[in-house]
């Protein structure tokens, strides 16, 4: 080969090698970063589903407490109503609607 061509060939190969390093390195870094982001997203989704399950359990517990409190209130109201009726009967009071 011609001496002049050999010099240009070395320069072109060096430029091509540099270009490969400059292009491939960021591509690999981006691919690695994407994998880390996907792993973090999966972890957060897992934690979110666990949190959703806990929230659902708490909602059910609160609903149960509210239902129990409502039953107690109704029971107390009925007891008070029957007491008032007994007192009215004992004292001979007539209730007008």
PDB file of N, CA and C in Angstrom:
ATOM      1  N   UNK A   1       0.828  -1.185   0.000  1.00  0.00           N
ATOM      2  CA  UNK A   1       0.000   0.000   0.000  1.00  0.00           C
ATOM      3  C   UNK A   1       0.866   1.240   0.000  1.00  0.00           C
ATOM      4  N   UNK A   2       0.297   2.256  -0.463  1.00  0.00           N
ATOM      5  CA  UNK A   2       0.971   3.538  -0.572  1.00  0.00           C
ATOM      6  C   UNK A   2       1.182   4.113   0.835  1.00  0.00           C
ATOM      7  N   UNK A   3       2.278   4.742   1.090  1.00  0.00           N
ATOM      8  CA  UNK A   3       2.600   5.336   2.392  1.00  0.00           C
ATOM      9  C   UNK A   3       1.550   6.370   2.781  1.00  0.00           C
ATOM     10  N   UNK A   4       1.108   7.150   1.839  1.00  0.00           N
ATOM     11  CA  UNK A   4       0.106   8.186   2.092  1.00  0.00           C
ATOM     12  C   UNK A   4      -1.232   7.560   2.507  1.00  0.00           C
ATOM     13  N   UNK A   5      -1.620   6.481   1.869  1.00  0.00           N
ATOM     14  CA  UNK A   5      -2.870   5.792   2.187  1.00  0.00           C
ATOM     15  C   UNK A   5      -2.774   5.177   3.575  1.00  0.00           C
ATOM     16  N   UNK A   6      -1.639   4.626   3.936  1.00  0.00           N
ATOM     17  CA  UNK A   6      -1.468   4.022   5.258  1.00  0.00           C
ATOM     18  C   UNK A   6      -1.629   5.069   6.356  1.00  0.00           C
ATOM     19  N   UNK A   7      -1.143   6.269   6.176  1.00  0.00           N
ATOM     20  CA  UNK A   7      -1.315   7.328   7.172  1.00  0.00           C
ATOM     21  C   UNK A   7      -2.784   7.708   7.326  1.00  0.00           C
ATOM     22  N   UNK A   8      -3.454   7.856   6.184  1.00  0.00           N
ATOM     23  CA  UNK A   8      -4.879   8.191   6.240  1.00  0.00           C
ATOM     24  C   UNK A   8      -5.680   7.050   6.860  1.00  0.00           C
ATOM     25  N   UNK A   9      -5.309   5.819   6.559  1.00  0.00           N
ATOM     26  CA  UNK A   9      -6.006   4.656   7.095  1.00  0.00           C
ATOM     27  C   UNK A   9      -5.902   4.636   8.617  1.00  0.00           C
ATOM     28  N   UNK A  10      -4.721   4.919   9.162  1.00  0.00           N
ATOM     29  CA  UNK A  10      -4.544   4.965  10.615  1.00  0.00           C
ATOM     30  C   UNK A  10      -5.395   6.068  11.243  1.00  0.00           C
ATOM     31  N   UNK A  11      -5.433   7.210  10.601  1.00  0.00           N
ATOM     32  CA  UNK A  11      -6.230   8.327  11.125  1.00  0.00           C
ATOM     33  C   UNK A  11      -7.724   7.990  11.093  1.00  0.00           C
ATOM     34  N   UNK A  12      -8.147   7.375   9.989  1.00  0.00           N
ATOM     35  CA  UNK A  12      -9.575   7.020   9.868  1.00  0.00           C
ATOM     36  C   UNK A  12      -9.941   5.941  10.882  1.00  0.00           C
ATOM     37  N   UNK A  13      -9.080   4.936  11.070  1.00  0.00           N
ATOM     38  CA  UNK A  13      -9.352   3.896  12.060  1.00  0.00           C
ATOM     39  C   UNK A  13      -9.376   4.468  13.481  1.00  0.00           C
ATOM     40  N   UNK A  14      -8.484   5.386  13.764  1.00  0.00           N
ATOM     41  CA  UNK A  14      -8.474   6.028  15.086  1.00  0.00           C
ATOM     42  C   UNK A  14      -9.752   6.837  15.285  1.00  0.00           C
ATOM     43  N   UNK A  15     -10.158   7.555  14.247  1.00  0.00           N
ATOM     44  CA  UNK A  15     -11.395   8.336  14.332  1.00  0.00           C
ATOM     45  C   UNK A  15     -12.596   7.421  14.505  1.00  0.00           C
ATOM     46  N   UNK A  16     -12.616   6.320  13.772  1.00  0.00           N
ATOM     47  CA  UNK A  16     -13.710   5.362  13.886  1.00  0.00           C
ATOM     48  C   UNK A  16     -13.739   4.739  15.280  1.00  0.00           C
ATOM     49  N   UNK A  17     -12.589   4.388  15.829  1.00  0.00           N
ATOM     50  CA  UNK A  17     -12.520   3.840  17.184  1.00  0.00           C
ATOM     51  C   UNK A  17     -13.011   4.842  18.219  1.00  0.00           C
ATOM     52  N   UNK A  18     -12.623   6.079  18.074  1.00  0.00           N
ATOM     53  CA  UNK A  18     -13.079   7.126  18.991  1.00  0.00           C
ATOM     54  C   UNK A  18     -14.583   7.314  18.883  1.00  0.00           C
ATOM     55  N   UNK A  19     -15.089   7.299  17.669  1.00  0.00           N
ATOM     56  CA  UNK A  19     -16.517   7.443  17.446  1.00  0.00           C
ATOM     57  C   UNK A  19     -17.274   6.291  18.103  1.00  0.00           C
ATOM     58  N   UNK A  20     -16.750   5.088  17.984  1.00  0.00           N
ATOM     59  CA  UNK A  20     -17.403   3.945  18.622  1.00  0.00           C
ATOM     60  C   UNK A  20     -17.446   4.117  20.142  1.00  0.00           C
ATOM     61  N   UNK A  21     -16.338   4.560  20.705  1.00  0.00           N
ATOM     62  CA  UNK A  21     -16.302   4.769  22.157  1.00  0.00           C
ATOM     63  C   UNK A  21     -17.266   5.871  22.556  1.00  0.00           C
ATOM     64  N   UNK A  22     -17.292   6.943  21.797  1.00  0.00           N
ATOM     65  CA  UNK A  22     -18.146   8.091  22.119  1.00  0.00           C
ATOM     66  C   UNK A  22     -19.624   7.738  21.974  1.00  0.00           C
ATOM     67  N   UNK A  23     -19.973   6.883  21.036  1.00  0.00           N
ATOM     68  CA  UNK A  23     -21.377   6.532  20.814  1.00  0.00           C
ATOM     69  C   UNK A  23     -21.804   5.366  21.702  1.00  0.00           C
ATOM     70  N   UNK A  24     -20.978   4.334  21.788  1.00  0.00           N
ATOM     71  CA  UNK A  24     -21.376   3.127  22.513  1.00  0.00           C
ATOM     72  C   UNK A  24     -21.400   3.346  24.022  1.00  0.00           C
ATOM     73  N   UNK A  25     -20.465   4.097  24.564  1.00  0.00           N
ATOM     74  CA  UNK A  25     -20.432   4.320  26.016  1.00  0.00           C
ATOM     75  C   UNK A  25     -21.701   4.997  26.530  1.00  0.00           C
ATOM     76  N   UNK A  26     -22.162   6.107  25.945  1.00  0.00           N
ATOM     77  CA  UNK A  26     -23.418   6.684  26.424  1.00  0.00           C
ATOM     78  C   UNK A  26     -24.615   5.755  26.202  1.00  0.00           C
ATOM     79  N   UNK A  27     -24.594   4.992  25.116  1.00  0.00           N
ATOM     80  CA  UNK A  27     -25.690   4.059  24.864  1.00  0.00           C
ATOM     81  C   UNK A  27     -25.750   3.006  25.961  1.00  0.00           C
ATOM     82  N   UNK A  28     -24.590   2.460  26.338  1.00  0.00           N
ATOM     83  CA  UNK A  28     -24.554   1.478  27.417  1.00  0.00           C
ATOM     84  C   UNK A  28     -24.976   2.100  28.746  1.00  0.00           C
ATOM     85  N   UNK A  29     -24.520   3.328  29.003  1.00  0.00           N
ATOM     86  CA  UNK A  29     -24.914   4.011  30.232  1.00  0.00           C
ATOM     87  C   UNK A  29     -26.423   4.249  30.264  1.00  0.00           C
ATOM     88  N   UNK A  30     -26.993   4.642  29.123  1.00  0.00           N
ATOM     89  CA  UNK A  30     -28.430   4.872  29.044  1.00  0.00           C
ATOM     90  C   UNK A  30     -29.198   3.576  29.257  1.00  0.00           C
ATOM     91  N   UNK A  31     -28.708   2.503  28.676  1.00  0.00           N
ATOM     92  CA  UNK A  31     -29.358   1.207  28.847  1.00  0.00           C
ATOM     93  C   UNK A  31     -29.313   0.773  30.308  1.00  0.00           C
ATOM     94  N   UNK A  32     -28.175   0.961  30.955  1.00  0.00           N
ATOM     95  CA  UNK A  32     -28.035   0.619  32.372  1.00  0.00           C
ATOM     96  C   UNK A  32     -28.964   1.471  33.232  1.00  0.00           C
ATOM     97  N   UNK A  33     -29.004   2.752  32.931  1.00  0.00           N
ATOM     98  CA  UNK A  33     -29.879   3.655  33.685  1.00  0.00           C
ATOM     99  C   UNK A  33     -31.343   3.291  33.489  1.00  0.00           C
ATOM    100  N   UNK A  34     -31.729   2.927  32.287  1.00  0.00           N
ATOM    101  CA  UNK A  34     -33.108   2.502  32.022  1.00  0.00           C
ATOM    102  C   UNK A  34     -33.462   1.257  32.826  1.00  0.00           C
ATOM    103  N   UNK A  35     -32.532   0.322  32.917  1.00  0.00           N
ATOM    104  CA  UNK A  35     -32.770  -0.891  33.702  1.00  0.00           C
ATOM    105  C   UNK A  35     -32.946  -0.551  35.179  1.00  0.00           C
ATOM    106  N   UNK A  36     -32.131   0.368  35.678  1.00  0.00           N
ATOM    107  CA  UNK A  36     -32.269   0.780  37.087  1.00  0.00           C
ATOM    108  C   UNK A  36     -33.600   1.474  37.320  1.00  0.00           C
ATOM    109  N   UNK A  37     -34.028   2.304  36.393  1.00  0.00           N
ATOM    110  CA  UNK A  37     -35.313   2.998  36.525  1.00  0.00           C
ATOM    111  C   UNK A  37     -36.460   1.997  36.503  1.00  0.00           C
ATOM    112  N   UNK A  38     -36.380   1.015  35.604  1.00  0.00           N
ATOM    113  CA  UNK A  38     -37.421  -0.012  35.540  1.00  0.00           C
ATOM    114  C   UNK A  38     -37.483  -0.824  36.826  1.00  0.00           C
ATOM    115  N   UNK A  39     -36.328  -1.151  37.385  1.00  0.00           N
ATOM    116  CA  UNK A  39     -36.295  -1.889  38.652  1.00  0.00           C
ATOM    117  C   UNK A  39     -36.895  -1.055  39.779  1.00  0.00           C
ATOM    118  N   UNK A  40     -36.564   0.222  39.820  1.00  0.00           N
ATOM    119  CA  UNK A  40     -37.118   1.103  40.841  1.00  0.00           C
ATOM    120  C   UNK A  40     -38.626   1.258  40.672  1.00  0.00           C
ATOM    121  N   UNK A  41     -39.074   1.367  39.423  1.00  0.00           N
ATOM    122  CA  UNK A  41     -40.513   1.480  39.149  1.00  0.00           C
ATOM    123  C   UNK A  41     -41.249   0.220  39.619  1.00  0.00           C
ATOM    124  N   UNK A  42     -40.671  -0.948  39.350  1.00  0.00           N
ATOM    125  CA  UNK A  42     -41.284  -2.197  39.788  1.00  0.00           C
ATOM    126  C   UNK A  42     -41.335  -2.276  41.314  1.00  0.00           C
ATOM    127  N   UNK A  43     -40.263  -1.841  41.962  1.00  0.00           N
ATOM    128  CA  UNK A  43     -40.232  -1.847  43.429  1.00  0.00           C
ATOM    129  C   UNK A  43     -41.290  -0.904  43.999  1.00  0.00           C
ATOM    130  N   UNK A  44     -41.406   0.281  43.408  1.00  0.00           N
ATOM    131  CA  UNK A  44     -42.397   1.247  43.896  1.00  0.00           C
ATOM    132  C   UNK A  44     -43.818   0.738  43.667  1.00  0.00           C
ATOM    133  N   UNK A  45     -44.055   0.091  42.524  1.00  0.00           N
ATOM    134  CA  UNK A  45     -45.379  -0.469  42.262  1.00  0.00           C
ATOM    135  C   UNK A  45     -45.706  -1.564  43.261  1.00  0.00           C
ATOM    136  N   UNK A  46     -44.707  -2.367  43.619  1.00  0.00           N
ATOM    137  CA  UNK A  46     -44.911  -3.398  44.630  1.00  0.00           C
ATOM    138  C   UNK A  46     -45.252  -2.803  45.979  1.00  0.00           C
ATOM    139  N   UNK A  47     -44.517  -1.766  46.360  1.00  0.00           N
ATOM    140  CA  UNK A  47     -44.799  -1.111  47.637  1.00  0.00           C
ATOM    141  C   UNK A  47     -46.152  -0.423  47.613  1.00  0.00           C
ATOM    142  N   UNK A  48     -46.511   0.133  46.460  1.00  0.00           N
ATOM    143  CA  UNK A  48     -47.805   0.799  46.334  1.00  0.00           C
ATOM    144  C   UNK A  48     -48.940  -0.199  46.485  1.00  0.00           C
ATOM    145  N   UNK A  49     -48.790  -1.390  45.905  1.00  0.00           N
ATOM    146  CA  UNK A  49     -49.850  -2.389  46.023  1.00  0.00           C
ATOM    147  C   UNK A  49     -49.970  -2.872  47.467  1.00  0.00           C
ATOM    148  N   UNK A  50     -48.844  -2.975  48.179  1.00  0.00           N
ATOM    149  CA  UNK A  50     -48.891  -3.358  49.592  1.00  0.00           C
ATOM    150  C   UNK A  50     -49.599  -2.271  50.392  1.00  0.00           C
ATOM    151  N   UNK A  51     -49.270  -1.018  50.089  1.00  0.00           N
ATOM    152  CA  UNK A  51     -49.902   0.104  50.780  1.00  0.00           C
ATOM    153  C   UNK A  51     -51.395   0.152  50.485  1.00  0.00           C
ATOM    154  N   UNK A  52     -51.768  -0.119  49.239  1.00  0.00           N
ATOM    155  CA  UNK A  52     -53.190  -0.157  48.882  1.00  0.00           C
ATOM    156  C   UNK A  52     -53.915  -1.239  49.671  1.00  0.00           C
ATOM    157  N   UNK A  53     -53.268  -2.382  49.835  1.00  0.00           N
ATOM    158  CA  UNK A  53     -53.872  -3.462  50.616  1.00  0.00           C
ATOM    159  C   UNK A  53     -54.069  -3.063  52.064  1.00  0.00           C
ATOM    160  N   UNK A  54     -53.081  -2.382  52.630  1.00  0.00           N
ATOM    161  CA  UNK A  54     -53.203  -1.928  54.015  1.00  0.00           C
ATOM    162  C   UNK A  54     -54.305  -0.885  54.147  1.00  0.00           C
ATOM    163  N   UNK A  55     -54.388   0.011  53.154  1.00  0.00           N
ATOM    164  CA  UNK A  55     -55.437   1.039  53.195  1.00  0.00           C
ATOM    165  C   UNK A  55     -56.817   0.403  53.101  1.00  0.00           C
ATOM    166  N   UNK A  56     -56.961  -0.610  52.251  1.00  0.00           N
ATOM    167  CA  UNK A  56     -58.246  -1.301  52.143  1.00  0.00           C
ATOM    168  C   UNK A  56     -58.621  -1.959  53.462  1.00  0.00           C
ATOM    169  N   UNK A  57     -57.639  -2.567  54.122  1.00  0.00           N
ATOM    170  CA  UNK A  57     -57.903  -3.197  55.417  1.00  0.00           C
ATOM    171  C   UNK A  57     -58.320  -2.150  56.451  1.00  0.00           C
ATOM    172  N   UNK A  58     -57.659  -1.001  56.449  1.00  0.00           N
ATOM    173  CA  UNK A  58     -58.028   0.065  57.388  1.00  0.00           C
ATOM    174  C   UNK A  58     -59.426   0.601  57.093  1.00  0.00           C
ATOM    175  N   UNK A  59     -59.752   0.756  55.801  1.00  0.00           N
ATOM    176  CA  UNK A  59     -61.106   1.213  55.450  1.00  0.00           C
ATOM    177  C   UNK A  59     -62.156   0.247  55.960  1.00  0.00           C
ATOM    178  N   UNK A  60     -61.912  -1.039  55.772  1.00  0.00           N
ATOM    179  CA  UNK A  60     -62.872  -2.037  56.253  1.00  0.00           C
ATOM    180  C   UNK A  60     -63.012  -1.981  57.773  1.00  0.00           C
ATOM    181  N   UNK A  61     -61.895  -1.794  58.451  1.00  0.00           N
ATOM    182  CA  UNK A  61     -61.925  -1.715  59.912  1.00  0.00           C
ATOM    183  C   UNK A  61     -62.719  -0.488  60.372  1.00  0.00           C
ATOM    184  N   UNK A  62     -62.498   0.647  59.719  1.00  0.00           N
ATOM    185  CA  UNK A  62     -63.223   1.865  60.078  1.00  0.00           C
ATOM    186  C   UNK A  62     -64.715   1.688  59.805  1.00  0.00           C
ATOM    187  N   UNK A  63     -65.049   1.082  58.675  1.00  0.00           N
ATOM    188  CA  UNK A  63     -66.469   0.833  58.368  1.00  0.00           C
ATOM    189  C   UNK A  63     -67.104  -0.058  59.425  1.00  0.00           C
ATOM    190  N   UNK A  64     -66.357  -1.062  59.877  1.00  0.00           N
ATOM    191  CA  UNK A  64     -66.870  -1.956  60.918  1.00  0.00           C
ATOM    192  C   UNK A  64     -67.122  -1.176  62.218  1.00  0.00           C
ATOM    193  N   UNK A  65     -66.165  -0.319  62.598  1.00  0.00           N
ATOM    194  CA  UNK A  65     -66.349   0.491  63.807  1.00  0.00           C
ATOM    195  C   UNK A  65     -67.559   1.411  63.676  1.00  0.00           C
ATOM    196  N   UNK A  66     -67.720   2.015  62.500  1.00  0.00           N
ATOM    197  CA  UNK A  66     -68.863   2.915  62.295  1.00  0.00           C
ATOM    198  C   UNK A  66     -70.170   2.139  62.379  1.00  0.00           C
ATOM    199  N   UNK A  67     -70.207   0.948  61.788  1.00  0.00           N
ATOM    200  CA  UNK A  67     -71.422   0.136  61.848  1.00  0.00           C
ATOM    201  C   UNK A  67     -71.736  -0.258  63.289  1.00  0.00           C
ATOM    202  N   UNK A  68     -70.711  -0.646  64.048  1.00  0.00           N
ATOM    203  CA  UNK A  68     -70.921  -1.011  65.452  1.00  0.00           C
ATOM    204  C   UNK A  68     -71.401   0.189  66.254  1.00  0.00           C
ATOM    205  N   UNK A  69     -70.827   1.349  66.019  1.00  0.00           N
ATOM    206  CA  UNK A  69     -71.253   2.553  66.736  1.00  0.00           C
ATOM    207  C   UNK A  69     -72.695   2.895  66.378  1.00  0.00           C
ATOM    208  N   UNK A  70     -73.053   2.757  65.102  1.00  0.00           N
ATOM    209  CA  UNK A  70     -74.438   3.014  64.688  1.00  0.00           C
ATOM    210  C   UNK A  70     -75.405   2.083  65.387  1.00  0.00           C
ATOM    211  N   UNK A  71     -75.043   0.815  65.506  1.00  0.00           N
ATOM    212  CA  UNK A  71     -75.911  -0.141  66.209  1.00  0.00           C
ATOM    213  C   UNK A  71     -76.064   0.226  67.683  1.00  0.00           C
ATOM    214  N   UNK A  72     -74.944   0.623  68.297  1.00  0.00           N
ATOM    215  CA  UNK A  72     -75.025   1.030  69.704  1.00  0.00           C
ATOM    216  C   UNK A  72     -75.916   2.251  69.879  1.00  0.00           C
ATOM    217  N   UNK A  73     -75.811   3.207  68.971  1.00  0.00           N
ATOM    218  CA  UNK A  73     -76.634   4.423  69.057  1.00  0.00           C
ATOM    219  C   UNK A  73     -78.110   4.075  68.902  1.00  0.00           C
ATOM    220  N   UNK A  74     -78.430   3.235  67.931  1.00  0.00           N
ATOM    221  CA  UNK A  74     -79.832   2.832  67.730  1.00  0.00           C
ATOM    222  C   UNK A  74     -80.351   2.110  68.966  1.00  0.00           C
ATOM    223  N   UNK A  75     -79.544   1.235  69.541  1.00  0.00           N
ATOM    224  CA  UNK A  75     -79.945   0.507  70.742  1.00  0.00           C
ATOM    225  C   UNK A  75     -80.212   1.474  71.898  1.00  0.00           C
ATOM    226  N   UNK A  76     -79.320   2.446  72.079  1.00  0.00           N
ATOM    227  CA  UNK A  76     -79.506   3.436  73.147  1.00  0.00           C
ATOM    228  C   UNK A  76     -80.781   4.261  72.912  1.00  0.00           C
ATOM    229  N   UNK A  77     -81.027   4.647  71.674  1.00  0.00           N
ATOM    230  CA  UNK A  77     -82.232   5.437  71.370  1.00  0.00           C
ATOM    231  C   UNK A  77     -83.481   4.628  71.675  1.00  0.00           C
ATOM    232  N   UNK A  78     -83.489   3.356  71.295  1.00  0.00           N
ATOM    233  CA  UNK A  78     -84.654   2.509  71.576  1.00  0.00           C
ATOM    234  C   UNK A  78     -84.852   2.327  73.080  1.00  0.00           C
ATOM    235  N   UNK A  79     -83.757   2.161  73.822  1.00  0.00           N
ATOM    236  CA  UNK A  79     -83.873   2.038  75.282  1.00  0.00           C
ATOM    237  C   UNK A  79     -84.422   3.330  75.889  1.00  0.00           C
ATOM    238  N   UNK A  80     -83.944   4.486  75.416  1.00  0.00           N
ATOM    239  CA  UNK A  80     -84.450   5.757  75.920  1.00  0.00           C
ATOM    240  C   UNK A  80     -85.933   5.931  75.588  1.00  0.00           C
ATOM    241  N   UNK A  81     -86.323   5.519  74.417  1.00  0.00           N
ATOM    242  CA  UNK A  81     -87.723   5.617  74.010  1.00  0.00           C
ATOM    243  C   UNK A  81     -88.604   4.756  74.915  1.00  0.00           C
ATOM    244  N   UNK A  82     -88.151   3.529  75.197  1.00  0.00           N
ATOM    245  CA  UNK A  82     -88.951   2.663  76.070  1.00  0.00           C
ATOM    246  C   UNK A  82     -88.988   3.211  77.495  1.00  0.00           C
ATOM    247  N   UNK A  83     -87.934   3.806  77.982  1.00  0.00           N
ATOM    248  CA  UNK A  83     -87.924   4.433  79.314  1.00  0.00           C
ATOM    249  C   UNK A  83     -88.924   5.581  79.380  1.00  0.00           C
ATOM    250  N   UNK A  84     -88.889   6.413  78.316  1.00  0.00           N
ATOM    251  CA  UNK A  84     -89.830   7.544  78.289  1.00  0.00           C
ATOM    252  C   UNK A  84     -91.274   7.046  78.290  1.00  0.00           C
ATOM    253  N   UNK A  85     -91.556   5.998  77.525  1.00  0.00           N
ATOM    254  CA  UNK A  85     -92.912   5.456  77.499  1.00  0.00           C
ATOM    255  C   UNK A  85     -93.317   4.913  78.864  1.00  0.00           C
ATOM    256  N   UNK A  86     -92.402   4.222  79.548  1.00  0.00           N
ATOM    257  CA  UNK A  86     -92.707   3.711  80.891  1.00  0.00           C
ATOM    258  C   UNK A  86     -92.947   4.847  81.868  1.00  0.00           C
ATOM    259  N   UNK A  87     -92.129   5.899  81.803  1.00  0.00           N
ATOM    260  CA  UNK A  87     -92.323   7.043  82.699  1.00  0.00           C
ATOM    261  C   UNK A  87     -93.659   7.731  82.425  1.00  0.00           C
ATOM    262  N   UNK A  88     -93.984   7.871  81.157  1.00  0.00           N
ATOM    263  CA  UNK A  88     -95.266   8.481  80.811  1.00  0.00           C
ATOM    264  C   UNK A  88     -96.425   7.649  81.337  1.00  0.00           C
ATOM    265  N   UNK A  89     -96.314   6.325  81.245  1.00  0.00           N
ATOM    266  CA  UNK A  89     -97.381   5.452  81.743  1.00  0.00           C
ATOM    267  C   UNK A  89     -97.480   5.527  83.260  1.00  0.00           C
ATOM    268  N   UNK A  90     -96.325   5.577  83.946  1.00  0.00           N
ATOM    269  CA  UNK A  90     -96.329   5.626  85.409  1.00  0.00           C
ATOM    270  C   UNK A  90     -96.949   6.918  85.920  1.00  0.00           C
ATOM    271  N   UNK A  91     -96.683   8.005  85.242  1.00  0.00           N
ATOM    272  CA  UNK A  91     -97.169   9.293  85.718  1.00  0.00           C
ATOM    273  C   UNK A  91     -98.504   9.667  85.101  1.00  0.00           C
ATOM    274  N   UNK A  92     -98.986   8.839  84.246  1.00  0.00           N
ATOM    275  CA  UNK A  92    -100.285   9.086  83.642  1.00  0.00           C
ATOM    276  C   UNK A  92    -100.275  10.189  82.618  1.00  0.00           C
ATOM    277  N   UNK A  93     -99.161  10.420  82.006  1.00  0.00           N
ATOM    278  CA  UNK A  93     -99.062  11.466  80.983  1.00  0.00           C
ATOM    279  C   UNK A  93     -99.531  10.900  79.654  1.00  0.00           C
ATOM    280  N   UNK A  94    -100.168  11.755  78.901  1.00  0.00           N
ATOM    281  CA  UNK A  94    -100.647  11.358  77.586  1.00  0.00           C
ATOM    282  C   UNK A  94     -99.796  12.088  76.566  1.00  0.00           C
ATOM    283  N   UNK A  95     -99.289  11.341  75.671  1.00  0.00           N
ATOM    284  CA  UNK A  95     -98.428  11.925  74.632  1.00  0.00           C
ATOM    285  C   UNK A  95     -99.296  12.274  73.429  1.00  0.00           C
ATOM    286  N   UNK A  96     -99.133  13.491  72.952  1.00  0.00           N
ATOM    287  CA  UNK A  96     -99.874  13.921  71.767  1.00  0.00           C
ATOM    288  C   UNK A  96     -98.914  13.993  70.587  1.00  0.00           C
ATOM    289  N   UNK A  97     -99.307  13.321  69.488  1.00  0.00           N
ATOM    290  CA  UNK A  97     -98.404  13.342  68.328  1.00  0.00           C
ATOM    291  C   UNK A  97     -98.328  14.687  67.652  1.00  0.00           C
TER     292      UNK A  97
END
